Protein backbone atom coordinates (compact mmCIF):
# COMPACT_ATOMS: atom_id res chain seq x y z
CA UNK A 1 -0.11 0.05 -0.17
CA UNK A 2 1.24 3.53 -0.52
CA UNK A 3 0.31 6.60 1.31
CA UNK A 4 1.70 10.12 0.17
CA UNK A 5 3.05 12.39 3.18
CA UNK A 6 2.41 16.22 2.48
CA UNK A 7 6.22 17.42 0.93
CA UNK A 8 7.16 13.82 0.32
CA UNK A 9 9.72 13.89 -2.54
CA UNK A 10 8.24 10.19 -3.77
CA UNK A 11 5.56 7.77 -2.14
CA UNK A 12 6.32 5.81 0.99
CA UNK A 13 6.11 2.58 0.07
CA UNK A 14 5.31 -0.56 2.31
CA UNK A 15 7.93 -2.56 0.42
CA UNK A 16 10.68 -0.39 1.11
CA UNK A 17 12.70 -3.65 2.84
CA UNK A 18 12.42 -4.90 -1.06
CA UNK A 19 14.67 -2.17 -2.10
CA UNK A 20 17.48 -2.39 0.50
CA UNK A 21 17.08 -6.35 -0.86
CA UNK A 22 17.36 -5.19 -4.69
CA UNK A 23 20.32 -2.73 -3.28
CA UNK A 24 22.27 -5.72 -1.93
CA UNK A 25 22.10 -7.62 -4.32
CA UNK A 26 23.58 -5.05 -6.66
CA UNK A 27 26.28 -4.36 -4.22
CA UNK A 28 27.00 -8.16 -4.75
CA UNK A 29 26.89 -8.31 -8.54
CA UNK A 30 29.22 -4.95 -8.24
CA UNK A 31 31.41 -6.79 -6.03
CA UNK A 32 31.54 -10.14 -7.85
CA UNK A 33 32.49 -8.60 -10.82
CA UNK A 34 34.96 -6.42 -9.69
CA UNK A 35 32.99 -3.19 -10.20
CA UNK A 36 32.84 -2.01 -7.28
CA UNK A 37 36.13 -0.37 -6.17
CA UNK A 38 36.02 1.02 -9.62
CA UNK A 39 32.48 2.87 -9.25
CA UNK A 40 33.69 3.77 -5.90
CA UNK A 41 36.60 5.51 -7.34
CA UNK A 42 34.36 7.30 -10.12
CA UNK A 43 32.08 8.86 -6.57
CA UNK A 44 35.58 9.89 -5.52
CA UNK A 45 36.35 11.36 -8.61
CA UNK A 46 33.37 13.63 -8.14
CA UNK A 47 35.12 15.34 -5.27
CA UNK A 48 38.03 16.33 -7.40
CA UNK A 49 36.92 19.59 -8.20
CA UNK A 50 36.35 20.48 -3.57
CA UNK A 51 39.73 18.99 -3.68
CA UNK A 52 41.50 21.12 -6.25
CA UNK A 53 39.66 24.54 -6.05
CA UNK A 54 37.90 26.14 -8.63
CA UNK A 55 40.60 27.28 -10.84
CA UNK A 56 42.90 24.01 -10.67
CA UNK A 57 39.31 22.35 -11.89
CA UNK A 58 38.55 24.36 -14.64
CA UNK A 59 41.93 23.44 -15.90
CA UNK A 60 42.17 19.83 -15.28
CA UNK A 61 38.94 16.67 -15.33
CA UNK A 62 39.54 13.50 -14.30
CA UNK A 63 39.70 10.64 -17.26
CA UNK A 64 39.89 7.59 -15.00
CA UNK A 65 39.72 5.25 -12.25
CA UNK A 66 41.31 1.88 -12.01
CA UNK A 67 42.86 0.13 -9.71
CA UNK A 68 43.51 2.73 -7.23
CA UNK A 69 44.69 4.98 -9.95
CA UNK A 70 43.38 7.86 -11.00
CA UNK A 71 44.64 9.48 -14.12
CA UNK A 72 43.51 13.17 -14.16
CA UNK A 73 44.09 15.33 -17.71
CA UNK A 74 46.20 18.58 -16.84
CA UNK A 75 45.54 21.47 -19.48
CA UNK A 76 48.93 23.24 -19.51
CA UNK A 77 52.37 22.75 -18.05
CA UNK A 78 51.73 24.83 -14.57
CA UNK A 79 48.73 23.09 -13.93
CA UNK A 80 50.84 20.03 -14.60
CA UNK A 81 53.27 21.28 -12.37
CA UNK A 82 51.01 22.29 -9.57
CA UNK A 83 49.29 18.73 -9.64
CA UNK A 84 52.42 17.08 -9.36
CA UNK A 85 53.40 19.11 -6.12
CA UNK A 86 49.99 18.59 -4.72
CA UNK A 87 50.06 15.01 -5.55
CA UNK A 88 50.60 13.39 -2.06
CA UNK A 89 48.64 16.01 -0.69
CA UNK A 90 45.80 14.95 -3.10
CA UNK A 91 45.74 11.39 -2.09
CA UNK A 92 45.67 12.20 1.40
CA UNK A 93 42.46 14.31 0.62
CA UNK A 94 40.68 11.24 -1.03
CA UNK A 95 41.65 9.04 1.71
CA UNK A 96 39.97 11.52 4.30
CA UNK A 97 37.01 11.78 2.83
CA UNK A 98 36.75 8.55 1.05
CA UNK A 99 38.68 6.30 3.49
CA UNK A 100 42.57 5.27 3.18
CA UNK A 101 43.40 2.95 0.36
CA UNK A 102 40.82 4.15 -2.53
CA UNK A 103 42.87 6.52 -4.64
CA UNK A 104 46.25 5.15 -4.34
CA UNK A 105 47.90 7.47 -6.87
CA UNK A 106 47.58 10.09 -8.83
CA UNK A 107 48.73 9.80 -12.98
CA UNK A 108 48.74 13.33 -14.66
CA UNK A 109 48.10 13.64 -18.70
CA UNK A 110 48.80 16.47 -20.23
CA UNK A 111 45.92 17.45 -22.25
CA UNK A 112 45.79 15.17 -25.67
CA UNK A 113 48.35 13.10 -23.75
CA UNK A 114 48.92 9.39 -25.35
CA UNK A 115 48.12 7.87 -22.16
CA UNK A 116 45.10 9.30 -21.76
CA UNK A 117 42.01 6.17 -22.09
CA UNK A 118 40.80 5.61 -25.30
CA UNK A 119 43.34 7.84 -27.39
């Protein structure tokens, strides 16, 4: 049975436990196929702009996350240098925000660099 509560963004449902079961099943599938860490890595990557600040965020972007390695494209030599100098601090910031060991390395590639995935 569904009941609508005033101001509710969605209907409250009597089968809410079913959603938890589905969520747990999806988490199990991701883990079984080795995709759980990758998903968590991309969630962590979404915090890149907050961690580097607006100026560096405007001149860099996350390209990939795999096996603890966050690949970031830097647009310009000065951005590459600044991010290179801050690399260890950024890894620590990711650990504080998203848990230790998720982002273990930050790989910087120049804009249009040959190490970028799919290029």
